[in-house]
Amino acid sequence: TDAWSQAMVEASIAVGGRYYLPYQRSATVTQFSQA
């Protein structure tokens, strides 16, 4: 789940989007600070 969630976060950031802060902490620290 962490692997595909990180891929989804990366895809969202790549198109100028963000992601909703979920209950799981799958995003990397770098992804979080970018979003």
Full PDB file with SEQRES, HELIX, SHEET, SSBOND, CRYST1, ORIGX, SCALE, CONECT and MASTER records, all heavy atoms in Angstrom:
SEQRES   1 A   35  THR ASP ALA TRP SER GLN ALA MET VAL GLU ALA SER ILE          
SEQRES   2 A   35  ALA VAL GLY GLY ARG TYR TYR LEU PRO TYR GLN ARG SER          
SEQRES   3 A   35  ALA THR VAL THR GLN PHE SER GLN ALA                          
HELIX    1 AA1 ASP A    2  ALA A   14  1                                  13    
HELIX    2 AA2 VAL A   29  GLN A   34  1                                   6    
CRYST1    1.000    1.000    1.000  90.00  90.00  90.00 P 1           1          
ORIGX1      1.000000  0.000000  0.000000        0.00000                         
ORIGX2      0.000000  1.000000  0.000000        0.00000                         
ORIGX3      0.000000  0.000000  1.000000        0.00000                         
SCALE1      1.000000  0.000000  0.000000        0.00000                         
SCALE2      0.000000  1.000000  0.000000        0.00000                         
SCALE3      0.000000  0.000000  1.000000        0.00000                         
ATOM      1  N   THR A   1       0.833  -1.205   0.000  1.00  0.00           N  
ATOM      2  CA  THR A   1       0.000   0.000   0.000  1.00  0.00           C  
ATOM      3  C   THR A   1       0.863   1.249   0.000  1.00  0.00           C  
ATOM      4  O   THR A   1       0.580   2.218  -0.717  1.00  0.00           O  
ATOM      5  CB  THR A   1      -0.964   0.004   1.196  1.00  0.00           C  
ATOM      6  OG1 THR A   1      -1.828  -1.134   1.088  1.00  0.00           O  
ATOM      7  CG2 THR A   1      -1.794   1.274   1.251  1.00  0.00           C  
ATOM      8  N   ASP A   2       1.928   1.244   0.795  1.00  0.00           N  
ATOM      9  CA  ASP A   2       2.847   2.392   0.808  1.00  0.00           C  
ATOM     10  C   ASP A   2       3.432   2.634  -0.576  1.00  0.00           C  
ATOM     11  O   ASP A   2       3.537   3.781  -1.021  1.00  0.00           O  
ATOM     12  CB  ASP A   2       3.980   2.176   1.815  1.00  0.00           C  
ATOM     13  CG  ASP A   2       3.543   2.313   3.259  1.00  0.00           C  
ATOM     14  OD1 ASP A   2       2.429   2.826   3.520  1.00  0.00           O  
ATOM     15  OD2 ASP A   2       4.320   1.905   4.147  1.00  0.00           O  
ATOM     16  N   ALA A   3       3.792   1.568  -1.285  1.00  0.00           N  
ATOM     17  CA  ALA A   3       4.413   1.709  -2.607  1.00  0.00           C  
ATOM     18  C   ALA A   3       3.460   2.362  -3.597  1.00  0.00           C  
ATOM     19  O   ALA A   3       3.829   3.330  -4.283  1.00  0.00           O  
ATOM     20  CB  ALA A   3       4.874   0.349  -3.125  1.00  0.00           C  
ATOM     21  N   TRP A   4       2.223   1.866  -3.687  1.00  0.00           N  
ATOM     22  CA  TRP A   4       1.323   2.478  -4.673  1.00  0.00           C  
ATOM     23  C   TRP A   4       0.826   3.834  -4.206  1.00  0.00           C  
ATOM     24  O   TRP A   4       0.583   4.724  -5.026  1.00  0.00           O  
ATOM     25  CB  TRP A   4       0.194   1.549  -5.094  1.00  0.00           C  
ATOM     26  CG  TRP A   4      -0.868   1.215  -4.105  1.00  0.00           C  
ATOM     27  CD1 TRP A   4      -0.969   0.085  -3.343  1.00  0.00           C  
ATOM     28  CD2 TRP A   4      -2.036   1.986  -3.802  1.00  0.00           C  
ATOM     29  NE1 TRP A   4      -2.106   0.113  -2.566  1.00  0.00           N  
ATOM     30  CE2 TRP A   4      -2.779   1.275  -2.839  1.00  0.00           C  
ATOM     31  CE3 TRP A   4      -2.529   3.222  -4.237  1.00  0.00           C  
ATOM     32  CZ2 TRP A   4      -3.973   1.739  -2.303  1.00  0.00           C  
ATOM     33  CZ3 TRP A   4      -3.722   3.696  -3.708  1.00  0.00           C  
ATOM     34  CH2 TRP A   4      -4.431   2.960  -2.751  1.00  0.00           C  
ATOM     35  N   SER A   5       0.731   4.041  -2.896  1.00  0.00           N  
ATOM     36  CA  SER A   5       0.329   5.356  -2.387  1.00  0.00           C  
ATOM     37  C   SER A   5       1.389   6.404  -2.710  1.00  0.00           C  
ATOM     38  O   SER A   5       1.069   7.536  -3.100  1.00  0.00           O  
ATOM     39  CB  SER A   5       0.089   5.299  -0.877  1.00  0.00           C  
ATOM     40  OG  SER A   5      -1.028   4.496  -0.583  1.00  0.00           O  
ATOM     41  N   GLN A   6       2.654   6.036  -2.556  1.00  0.00           N  
ATOM     42  CA  GLN A   6       3.734   6.964  -2.904  1.00  0.00           C  
ATOM     43  C   GLN A   6       3.720   7.279  -4.396  1.00  0.00           C  
ATOM     44  O   GLN A   6       3.949   8.420  -4.803  1.00  0.00           O  
ATOM     45  CB  GLN A   6       5.085   6.393  -2.486  1.00  0.00           C  
ATOM     46  CG  GLN A   6       5.282   6.398  -0.994  1.00  0.00           C  
ATOM     47  CD  GLN A   6       6.526   5.650  -0.542  1.00  0.00           C  
ATOM     48  OE1 GLN A   6       7.311   5.171  -1.353  1.00  0.00           O  
ATOM     49  NE2 GLN A   6       6.695   5.542   0.760  1.00  0.00           N  
ATOM     50  N   ALA A   7       3.422   6.293  -5.217  1.00  0.00           N  
ATOM     51  CA  ALA A   7       3.313   6.523  -6.659  1.00  0.00           C  
ATOM     52  C   ALA A   7       2.146   7.465  -6.963  1.00  0.00           C  
ATOM     53  O   ALA A   7       2.261   8.345  -7.825  1.00  0.00           O  
ATOM     54  CB  ALA A   7       3.147   5.197  -7.399  1.00  0.00           C  
ATOM     55  N   MET A   8       1.043   7.315  -6.256  1.00  0.00           N  
ATOM     56  CA  MET A   8      -0.109   8.203  -6.449  1.00  0.00           C  
ATOM     57  C   MET A   8       0.219   9.631  -6.015  1.00  0.00           C  
ATOM     58  O   MET A   8      -0.132  10.589  -6.697  1.00  0.00           O  
ATOM     59  CB  MET A   8      -1.311   7.683  -5.652  1.00  0.00           C  
ATOM     60  CG  MET A   8      -1.898   6.401  -6.183  1.00  0.00           C  
ATOM     61  SD  MET A   8      -2.961   6.661  -7.599  1.00  0.00           S  
ATOM     62  CE  MET A   8      -4.404   7.288  -6.770  1.00  0.00           C  
ATOM     63  N   VAL A   9       0.889   9.777  -4.891  1.00  0.00           N  
ATOM     64  CA  VAL A   9       1.277  11.110  -4.416  1.00  0.00           C  
ATOM     65  C   VAL A   9       2.212  11.767  -5.431  1.00  0.00           C  
ATOM     66  O   VAL A   9       2.049  12.942  -5.777  1.00  0.00           O  
ATOM     67  CB  VAL A   9       1.926  11.036  -3.016  1.00  0.00           C  
ATOM     68  CG1 VAL A   9       2.570  12.354  -2.638  1.00  0.00           C  
ATOM     69  CG2 VAL A   9       0.901  10.620  -1.968  1.00  0.00           C  
ATOM     70  N   GLU A  10       3.165  11.003  -5.928  1.00  0.00           N  
ATOM     71  CA  GLU A  10       4.104  11.516  -6.931  1.00  0.00           C  
ATOM     72  C   GLU A  10       3.353  11.969  -8.184  1.00  0.00           C  
ATOM     73  O   GLU A  10       3.648  13.031  -8.745  1.00  0.00           O  
ATOM     74  CB  GLU A  10       5.135  10.446  -7.274  1.00  0.00           C  
ATOM     75  CG  GLU A  10       6.403  10.959  -7.881  1.00  0.00           C  
ATOM     76  CD  GLU A  10       7.187  11.877  -6.952  1.00  0.00           C  
ATOM     77  OE1 GLU A  10       7.269  11.629  -5.739  1.00  0.00           O  
ATOM     78  OE2 GLU A  10       7.725  12.879  -7.467  1.00  0.00           O  
ATOM     79  N   ALA A  11       2.378  11.196  -8.614  1.00  0.00           N  
ATOM     80  CA  ALA A  11       1.571  11.551  -9.789  1.00  0.00           C  
ATOM     81  C   ALA A  11       0.782  12.830  -9.538  1.00  0.00           C  
ATOM     82  O   ALA A  11       0.669  13.688 -10.422  1.00  0.00           O  
ATOM     83  CB  ALA A  11       0.641  10.402 -10.159  1.00  0.00           C  
ATOM     84  N   SER A  12       0.249  12.969  -8.351  1.00  0.00           N  
ATOM     85  CA  SER A  12      -0.510  14.167  -8.005  1.00  0.00           C  
ATOM     86  C   SER A  12       0.387  15.408  -8.006  1.00  0.00           C  
ATOM     87  O   SER A  12       0.035  16.445  -8.580  1.00  0.00           O  
ATOM     88  CB  SER A  12      -1.153  13.984  -6.627  1.00  0.00           C  
ATOM     89  OG  SER A  12      -1.829  15.152  -6.237  1.00  0.00           O  
ATOM     90  N   ILE A  13       1.533  15.292  -7.387  1.00  0.00           N  
ATOM     91  CA  ILE A  13       2.479  16.416  -7.347  1.00  0.00           C  
ATOM     92  C   ILE A  13       2.922  16.787  -8.762  1.00  0.00           C  
ATOM     93  O   ILE A  13       3.042  17.971  -9.095  1.00  0.00           O  
ATOM     94  CB  ILE A  13       3.688  16.068  -6.451  1.00  0.00           C  
ATOM     95  CG1 ILE A  13       3.255  15.962  -4.977  1.00  0.00           C  
ATOM     96  CG2 ILE A  13       4.804  17.099  -6.612  1.00  0.00           C  
ATOM     97  CD1 ILE A  13       4.305  15.369  -4.064  1.00  0.00           C  
ATOM     98  N   ALA A  14       3.131  15.788  -9.607  1.00  0.00           N  
ATOM     99  CA  ALA A  14       3.612  16.018 -10.975  1.00  0.00           C  
ATOM    100  C   ALA A  14       2.642  16.857 -11.804  1.00  0.00           C  
ATOM    101  O   ALA A  14       3.073  17.559 -12.721  1.00  0.00           O  
ATOM    102  CB  ALA A  14       3.881  14.687 -11.673  1.00  0.00           C  
ATOM    103  N   VAL A  15       1.347  16.791 -11.485  1.00  0.00           N  
ATOM    104  CA  VAL A  15       0.369  17.575 -12.240  1.00  0.00           C  
ATOM    105  C   VAL A  15      -0.084  18.818 -11.459  1.00  0.00           C  
ATOM    106  O   VAL A  15      -1.103  19.426 -11.787  1.00  0.00           O  
ATOM    107  CB  VAL A  15      -0.850  16.722 -12.667  1.00  0.00           C  
ATOM    108  CG1 VAL A  15      -0.426  15.608 -13.614  1.00  0.00           C  
ATOM    109  CG2 VAL A  15      -1.594  16.175 -11.463  1.00  0.00           C  
ATOM    110  N   GLY A  16       0.683  19.173 -10.423  1.00  0.00           N  
ATOM    111  CA  GLY A  16       0.382  20.379  -9.664  1.00  0.00           C  
ATOM    112  C   GLY A  16      -0.671  20.195  -8.591  1.00  0.00           C  
ATOM    113  O   GLY A  16      -1.213  21.178  -8.070  1.00  0.00           O  
ATOM    114  N   GLY A  17      -0.960  18.953  -8.252  1.00  0.00           N  
ATOM    115  CA  GLY A  17      -1.978  18.681  -7.247  1.00  0.00           C  
ATOM    116  C   GLY A  17      -1.394  18.400  -5.874  1.00  0.00           C  
ATOM    117  O   GLY A  17      -0.188  18.480  -5.659  1.00  0.00           O  
ATOM    118  N   ARG A  18      -2.270  18.068  -4.985  1.00  0.00           N  
ATOM    119  CA  ARG A  18      -1.913  17.684  -3.623  1.00  0.00           C  
ATOM    120  C   ARG A  18      -2.673  16.408  -3.305  1.00  0.00           C  
ATOM    121  O   ARG A  18      -3.436  15.907  -4.113  1.00  0.00           O  
ATOM    122  CB  ARG A  18      -2.291  18.784  -2.636  1.00  0.00           C  
ATOM    123  CG  ARG A  18      -1.468  20.040  -2.866  1.00  0.00           C  
ATOM    124  CD  ARG A  18      -1.687  21.051  -1.807  1.00  0.00           C  
ATOM    125  NE  ARG A  18      -0.816  22.210  -2.075  1.00  0.00           N  
ATOM    126  CZ  ARG A  18      -0.748  23.254  -1.320  1.00  0.00           C  
ATOM    127  NH1 ARG A  18      -1.497  23.346  -0.233  1.00  0.00           N  
ATOM    128  NH2 ARG A  18       0.054  24.249  -1.614  1.00  0.00           N  
ATOM    129  N   TYR A  19      -2.485  15.933  -2.125  1.00  0.00           N  
ATOM    130  CA  TYR A  19      -3.221  14.747  -1.686  1.00  0.00           C  
ATOM    131  C   TYR A  19      -3.786  15.037  -0.317  1.00  0.00           C  
ATOM    132  O   TYR A  19      -3.256  15.849   0.436  1.00  0.00           O  
ATOM    133  CB  TYR A  19      -2.322  13.506  -1.680  1.00  0.00           C  
ATOM    134  CG  TYR A  19      -1.208  13.567  -0.658  1.00  0.00           C  
ATOM    135  CD1 TYR A  19      -1.337  12.938   0.571  1.00  0.00           C  
ATOM    136  CD2 TYR A  19      -0.038  14.275  -0.910  1.00  0.00           C  
ATOM    137  CE1 TYR A  19      -0.332  13.006   1.524  1.00  0.00           C  
ATOM    138  CE2 TYR A  19       0.974  14.349   0.030  1.00  0.00           C  
ATOM    139  CZ  TYR A  19       0.828  13.717   1.246  1.00  0.00           C  
ATOM    140  OH  TYR A  19       1.821  13.798   2.179  1.00  0.00           O  
ATOM    141  N   TYR A  20      -4.872  14.385  -0.003  1.00  0.00           N  
ATOM    142  CA  TYR A  20      -5.504  14.559   1.298  1.00  0.00           C  
ATOM    143  C   TYR A  20      -4.653  13.847   2.339  1.00  0.00           C  
ATOM    144  O   TYR A  20      -4.200  12.730   2.122  1.00  0.00           O  
ATOM    145  CB  TYR A  20      -6.919  13.982   1.262  1.00  0.00           C  
ATOM    146  CG  TYR A  20      -7.691  14.217   2.526  1.00  0.00           C  
ATOM    147  CD1 TYR A  20      -8.182  15.475   2.841  1.00  0.00           C  
ATOM    148  CD2 TYR A  20      -7.925  13.177   3.414  1.00  0.00           C  
ATOM    149  CE1 TYR A  20      -8.886  15.698   4.005  1.00  0.00           C  
ATOM    150  CE2 TYR A  20      -8.634  13.384   4.580  1.00  0.00           C  
ATOM    151  CZ  TYR A  20      -9.119  14.656   4.869  1.00  0.00           C  
ATOM    152  OH  TYR A  20      -9.812  14.866   6.040  1.00  0.00           O  
ATOM    153  N   LEU A  21      -4.439  14.492   3.457  1.00  0.00           N  
ATOM    154  CA  LEU A  21      -3.623  13.889   4.512  1.00  0.00           C  
ATOM    155  C   LEU A  21      -4.393  12.724   5.135  1.00  0.00           C  
ATOM    156  O   LEU A  21      -5.354  12.921   5.872  1.00  0.00           O  
ATOM    157  CB  LEU A  21      -3.274  14.927   5.573  1.00  0.00           C  
ATOM    158  CG  LEU A  21      -2.462  16.108   5.053  1.00  0.00           C  
ATOM    159  CD1 LEU A  21      -2.227  17.135   6.158  1.00  0.00           C  
ATOM    160  CD2 LEU A  21      -1.144  15.646   4.475  1.00  0.00           C  
ATOM    161  N   PRO A  22      -3.992  11.497   4.797  1.00  0.00           N  
ATOM    162  CA  PRO A  22      -4.742  10.320   5.236  1.00  0.00           C  
ATOM    163  C   PRO A  22      -4.325   9.859   6.628  1.00  0.00           C  
ATOM    164  O   PRO A  22      -3.425  10.410   7.246  1.00  0.00           O  
ATOM    165  CB  PRO A  22      -4.363   9.284   4.193  1.00  0.00           C  
ATOM    166  CG  PRO A  22      -2.949   9.640   3.854  1.00  0.00           C  
ATOM    167  CD  PRO A  22      -2.888  11.155   3.924  1.00  0.00           C  
ATOM    168  N   TYR A  23      -4.991   8.831   7.047  1.00  0.00           N  
ATOM    169  CA  TYR A  23      -4.644   8.231   8.324  1.00  0.00           C  
ATOM    170  C   TYR A  23      -3.316   7.492   8.233  1.00  0.00           C  
ATOM    171  O   TYR A  23      -2.604   7.368   9.217  1.00  0.00           O  
ATOM    172  CB  TYR A  23      -5.742   7.262   8.772  1.00  0.00           C  
ATOM    173  CG  TYR A  23      -7.059   7.945   8.986  1.00  0.00           C  
ATOM    174  CD1 TYR A  23      -8.114   7.746   8.114  1.00  0.00           C  
ATOM    175  CD2 TYR A  23      -7.235   8.819  10.053  1.00  0.00           C  
ATOM    176  CE1 TYR A  23      -9.330   8.385   8.310  1.00  0.00           C  
ATOM    177  CE2 TYR A  23      -8.438   9.458  10.257  1.00  0.00           C  
ATOM    178  CZ  TYR A  23      -9.477   9.240   9.388  1.00  0.00           C  
ATOM    179  OH  TYR A  23     -10.670   9.875   9.573  1.00  0.00           O  
ATOM    180  N   GLN A  24      -2.977   6.995   7.065  1.00  0.00           N  
ATOM    181  CA  GLN A  24      -1.714   6.290   6.883  1.00  0.00           C  
ATOM    182  C   GLN A  24      -0.623   7.286   6.500  1.00  0.00           C  
ATOM    183  O   GLN A  24      -0.881   8.266   5.829  1.00  0.00           O  
ATOM    184  CB  GLN A  24      -1.862   5.213   5.810  1.00  0.00           C  
ATOM    185  CG  GLN A  24      -2.881   4.157   6.187  1.00  0.00           C  
ATOM    186  CD  GLN A  24      -2.815   2.967   5.285  1.00  0.00           C  
ATOM    187  OE1 GLN A  24      -1.763   2.368   5.132  1.00  0.00           O  
ATOM    188  NE2 GLN A  24      -3.947   2.622   4.690  1.00  0.00           N  
ATOM    189  N   ARG A  25       0.574   6.978   6.905  1.00  0.00           N  
ATOM    190  CA  ARG A  25       1.720   7.849   6.636  1.00  0.00           C  
ATOM    191  C   ARG A  25       2.568   7.243   5.525  1.00  0.00           C  
ATOM    192  O   ARG A  25       3.740   6.968   5.707  1.00  0.00           O  
ATOM    193  CB  ARG A  25       2.530   8.048   7.913  1.00  0.00           C  
ATOM    194  CG  ARG A  25       1.744   8.706   9.030  1.00  0.00           C  
ATOM    195  CD  ARG A  25       2.479   8.751  10.356  1.00  0.00           C  
ATOM    196  NE  ARG A  25       3.022   7.477  10.814  1.00  0.00           N  
ATOM    197  CZ  ARG A  25       2.335   6.531  11.450  1.00  0.00           C  
ATOM    198  NH1 ARG A  25       1.067   6.701  11.710  1.00  0.00           N  
ATOM    199  NH2 ARG A  25       2.902   5.407  11.821  1.00  0.00           N  
ATOM    200  N   SER A  26       1.968   7.059   4.368  1.00  0.00           N  
ATOM    201  CA  SER A  26       2.665   6.415   3.255  1.00  0.00           C  
ATOM    202  C   SER A  26       3.587   7.360   2.504  1.00  0.00           C  
ATOM    203  O   SER A  26       4.647   6.952   2.032  1.00  0.00           O  
ATOM    204  CB  SER A  26       1.655   5.815   2.268  1.00  0.00           C  
ATOM    205  OG  SER A  26       0.912   4.794   2.883  1.00  0.00           O  
ATOM    206  N   ALA A  27       3.201   8.613   2.344  1.00  0.00           N  
ATOM    207  CA  ALA A  27       4.019   9.561   1.586  1.00  0.00           C  
ATOM    208  C   ALA A  27       5.381   9.735   2.246  1.00  0.00           C  
ATOM    209  O   ALA A  27       5.506   9.674   3.473  1.00  0.00           O  
ATOM    210  CB  ALA A  27       3.318  10.912   1.497  1.00  0.00           C  
ATOM    211  N   THR A  28       6.386   9.957   1.417  1.00  0.00           N  
ATOM    212  CA  THR A  28       7.718  10.226   1.968  1.00  0.00           C  
ATOM    213  C   THR A  28       7.740  11.641   2.552  1.00  0.00           C  
ATOM    214  O   THR A  28       6.865  12.465   2.255  1.00  0.00           O  
ATOM    215  CB  THR A  28       8.804  10.118   0.881  1.00  0.00           C  
ATOM    216  OG1 THR A  28       8.612  11.185  -0.059  1.00  0.00           O  
ATOM    217  CG2 THR A  28       8.773   8.757   0.186  1.00  0.00           C  
ATOM    218  N   VAL A  29       8.743  11.926   3.350  1.00  0.00           N  
ATOM    219  CA  VAL A  29       8.897  13.260   3.923  1.00  0.00           C  
ATOM    220  C   VAL A  29       9.071  14.287   2.803  1.00  0.00           C  
ATOM    221  O   VAL A  29       8.494  15.381   2.849  1.00  0.00           O  
ATOM    222  CB  VAL A  29      10.082  13.300   4.919  1.00  0.00           C  
ATOM    223  CG1 VAL A  29      10.360  14.716   5.394  1.00  0.00           C  
ATOM    224  CG2 VAL A  29       9.796  12.378   6.105  1.00  0.00           C  
ATOM    225  N   THR A  30       9.820  13.944   1.780  1.00  0.00           N  
ATOM    226  CA  THR A  30      10.018  14.847   0.640  1.00  0.00           C  
ATOM    227  C   THR A  30       8.700  15.106  -0.077  1.00  0.00           C  
ATOM    228  O   THR A  30       8.377  16.254  -0.402  1.00  0.00           O  
ATOM    229  CB  THR A  30      11.063  14.262  -0.335  1.00  0.00           C  
ATOM    230  OG1 THR A  30      12.298  14.130   0.357  1.00  0.00           O  
ATOM    231  CG2 THR A  30      11.247  15.152  -1.549  1.00  0.00           C  
ATOM    232  N   GLN A  31       7.925  14.063  -0.321  1.00  0.00           N  
ATOM    233  CA  GLN A  31       6.627  14.234  -0.978  1.00  0.00           C  
ATOM    234  C   GLN A  31       5.714  15.132  -0.145  1.00  0.00           C  
ATOM    235  O   GLN A  31       5.043  16.015  -0.681  1.00  0.00           O  
ATOM    236  CB  GLN A  31       5.948  12.879  -1.198  1.00  0.00           C  
ATOM    237  CG  GLN A  31       6.581  12.047  -2.278  1.00  0.00           C  
ATOM    238  CD  GLN A  31       5.960  10.665  -2.365  1.00  0.00           C  
ATOM    239  OE1 GLN A  31       5.544  10.074  -1.375  1.00  0.00           O  
ATOM    240  NE2 GLN A  31       5.898  10.138  -3.586  1.00  0.00           N  
ATOM    241  N   PHE A  32       5.705  14.908   1.153  1.00  0.00           N  
ATOM    242  CA  PHE A  32       4.867  15.721   2.032  1.00  0.00           C  
ATOM    243  C   PHE A  32       5.253  17.193   1.931  1.00  0.00           C  
ATOM    244  O   PHE A  32       4.391  18.052   1.762  1.00  0.00           O  
ATOM    245  CB  PHE A  32       4.989  15.240   3.480  1.00  0.00           C  
ATOM    246  CG  PHE A  32       4.194  16.060   4.451  1.00  0.00           C  
ATOM    247  CD1 PHE A  32       2.851  15.785   4.671  1.00  0.00           C  
ATOM    248  CD2 PHE A  32       4.772  17.112   5.129  1.00  0.00           C  
ATOM    249  CE1 PHE A  32       2.110  16.546   5.563  1.00  0.00           C  
ATOM    250  CE2 PHE A  32       4.040  17.879   6.013  1.00  0.00           C  
ATOM    251  CZ  PHE A  32       2.708  17.598   6.237  1.00  0.00           C  
ATOM    252  N   SER A  33       6.542  17.498   2.006  1.00  0.00           N  
ATOM    253  CA  SER A  33       6.971  18.899   1.965  1.00  0.00           C  
ATOM    254  C   SER A  33       6.734  19.534   0.596  1.00  0.00           C  
ATOM    255  O   SER A  33       6.477  20.721   0.497  1.00  0.00           O  
ATOM    256  CB  SER A  33       8.438  19.034   2.394  1.00  0.00           C  
ATOM    257  OG  SER A  33       9.284  18.366   1.506  1.00  0.00           O  
ATOM    258  N   GLN A  34       6.784  18.740  -0.473  1.00  0.00           N  
ATOM    259  CA  GLN A  34       6.471  19.266  -1.808  1.00  0.00           C  
ATOM    260  C   GLN A  34       4.983  19.577  -1.937  1.00  0.00           C  
ATOM    261  O   GLN A  34       4.607  20.599  -2.515  1.00  0.00           O  
ATOM    262  CB  GLN A  34       6.872  18.259  -2.890  1.00  0.00           C  
ATOM    263  CG  GLN A  34       8.361  18.134  -3.078  1.00  0.00           C  
ATOM    264  CD  GLN A  34       8.728  17.023  -4.054  1.00  0.00           C  
ATOM    265  OE1 GLN A  34       7.994  16.049  -4.222  1.00  0.00           O  
ATOM    266  NE2 GLN A  34       9.871  17.176  -4.689  1.00  0.00           N  
ATOM    267  N   ALA A  35       4.153  18.705  -1.424  1.00  0.00           N  
ATOM    268  CA  ALA A  35       2.708  18.891  -1.534  1.00  0.00           C  
ATOM    269  C   ALA A  35       2.199  19.952  -0.561  1.00  0.00           C  
ATOM    270  O   ALA A  35       1.213  20.630  -0.848  1.00  0.00           O  
ATOM    271  CB  ALA A  35       1.987  17.566  -1.292  1.00  0.00           C  
TER     272      ALA A  35                                                      
MASTER        0    0    0    2    0    0    0    6  271    1    0    3          
END                                                                             
